[in-house]
Amino acid sequence: MLFHFAKNIAFTKLVKCDDRQREYNFRKLPSADGNLFHADVSDDRGNRIIFKMQKEAGGQWAIIDPTLPQWIKNAEPQLHDVIEEGIHASQD
């Protein structure tokens, strides 16, 4: 019998965007290619906004859901950097 174990990657990071610092939570989702992250963040009222980010062909992490608030879309470049940093930290 063959078992496949996948390393669980989850981390939290503070990201500043639009003059606000917010706490984003990330968790790598099990997928065939391993290029999918679940992310969530609180808005100004404390409501959790949940979305997914997928690695595109060019190597950039992009937000999948187009209906998110603009302040999350504006943070996409910073979120890419945070995910890459989290992946590399988990490999050490």
Protein backbone atom coordinates (compact mmCIF):
# COMPACT_ATOMS: atom_id res chain seq x y z
CA MET A 1 0.00 0.00 0.00
CA LEU A 2 1.38 3.40 -1.01
CA PHE A 3 0.71 6.48 1.12
CA HIS A 4 1.14 10.02 -0.11
CA PHE A 5 1.79 12.67 2.52
CA ALA A 6 1.44 16.32 1.64
CA LYS A 7 2.97 18.98 3.85
CA ASN A 8 0.38 21.32 5.35
CA ILE A 9 1.36 24.96 4.77
CA ALA A 10 -0.53 27.61 6.72
CA PHE A 11 0.60 31.03 7.90
CA THR A 12 -0.62 34.48 8.91
CA LYS A 13 0.94 37.73 7.77
CA LEU A 14 0.27 41.45 8.29
CA VAL A 15 0.02 43.29 4.97
CA LYS A 16 -0.24 47.05 4.55
CA CYS A 17 -2.34 48.25 1.64
CA ASP A 18 -4.36 51.44 1.13
CA ASP A 19 -2.89 52.91 4.34
CA ARG A 20 -4.33 50.05 6.44
CA GLN A 21 -2.53 47.13 7.96
CA ARG A 22 -4.58 43.94 7.87
CA GLU A 23 -4.00 40.36 8.97
CA TYR A 24 -4.24 37.84 6.14
CA ASN A 25 -4.42 34.08 6.76
CA PHE A 26 -3.17 31.67 4.11
CA ARG A 27 -3.50 27.90 3.72
CA LYS A 28 -2.27 25.82 0.83
CA LEU A 29 -5.07 23.71 -0.62
CA PRO A 30 -4.40 20.15 -1.71
CA SER A 31 -4.57 20.04 -5.49
CA ALA A 32 -2.98 18.04 -8.27
CA ASP A 33 -0.45 20.75 -9.10
CA GLY A 34 -0.23 22.41 -5.67
CA ASN A 35 -0.83 25.88 -7.05
CA LEU A 36 -3.85 26.98 -5.02
CA PHE A 37 -4.05 28.94 -1.75
CA HIS A 38 -7.05 29.76 0.43
CA ALA A 39 -6.84 33.25 1.96
CA ASP A 40 -9.00 35.29 4.29
CA VAL A 41 -8.97 38.76 5.82
CA SER A 42 -11.33 40.88 7.94
CA ASP A 43 -12.97 43.99 6.57
CA ASP A 44 -13.58 47.19 8.59
CA ARG A 45 -16.67 45.69 10.23
CA GLY A 46 -14.93 42.46 11.26
CA ASN A 47 -16.53 40.31 8.57
CA ARG A 48 -14.25 37.63 7.09
CA ILE A 49 -13.66 37.86 3.36
CA ILE A 50 -12.59 34.52 1.95
CA PHE A 51 -10.94 34.09 -1.44
CA LYS A 52 -8.53 31.88 -3.36
CA MET A 53 -5.29 32.65 -5.14
CA GLN A 54 -3.90 30.54 -7.96
CA LYS A 55 -0.43 30.48 -9.48
CA GLU A 56 -0.60 31.55 -13.10
CA ALA A 57 1.61 30.34 -15.95
CA GLY A 58 3.95 33.31 -15.50
CA GLY A 59 4.62 32.39 -11.87
CA GLN A 60 2.46 35.14 -10.37
CA TRP A 61 -0.11 34.40 -7.67
CA ALA A 62 -3.43 35.90 -8.78
CA ILE A 63 -6.78 36.32 -7.05
CA ILE A 64 -9.41 34.08 -8.65
CA ASP A 65 -12.59 35.83 -7.44
CA PRO A 66 -13.25 39.03 -9.44
CA THR A 67 -16.01 40.25 -7.09
CA LEU A 68 -13.75 41.12 -4.14
CA PRO A 69 -13.48 44.65 -2.75
CA GLN A 70 -10.99 46.88 -4.56
CA TRP A 71 -8.68 47.15 -1.52
CA ILE A 72 -8.03 43.39 -1.71
CA LYS A 73 -7.42 43.52 -5.46
CA ASN A 74 -4.95 46.39 -4.89
CA ALA A 75 -3.04 44.17 -2.44
CA GLU A 76 -2.50 41.38 -5.00
CA PRO A 77 1.23 42.16 -5.64
CA GLN A 78 1.95 42.18 -1.88
CA LEU A 79 -0.05 38.96 -1.41
CA HIS A 80 2.04 37.31 -4.13
CA ASP A 81 5.21 38.21 -2.23
CA VAL A 82 3.75 36.96 1.07
CA ILE A 83 2.79 33.58 -0.42
CA GLU A 84 6.23 33.12 -2.01
CA GLU A 85 7.87 34.02 1.30
CA GLY A 86 5.61 31.57 3.18
CA ILE A 87 6.36 28.76 0.76
CA HIS A 88 10.11 29.29 1.04
CA ALA A 89 9.95 29.52 4.85
CA SER A 90 8.09 26.19 5.03
CA GLN A 91 10.79 24.47 2.97
CA ASP A 92 13.55 25.36 5.44
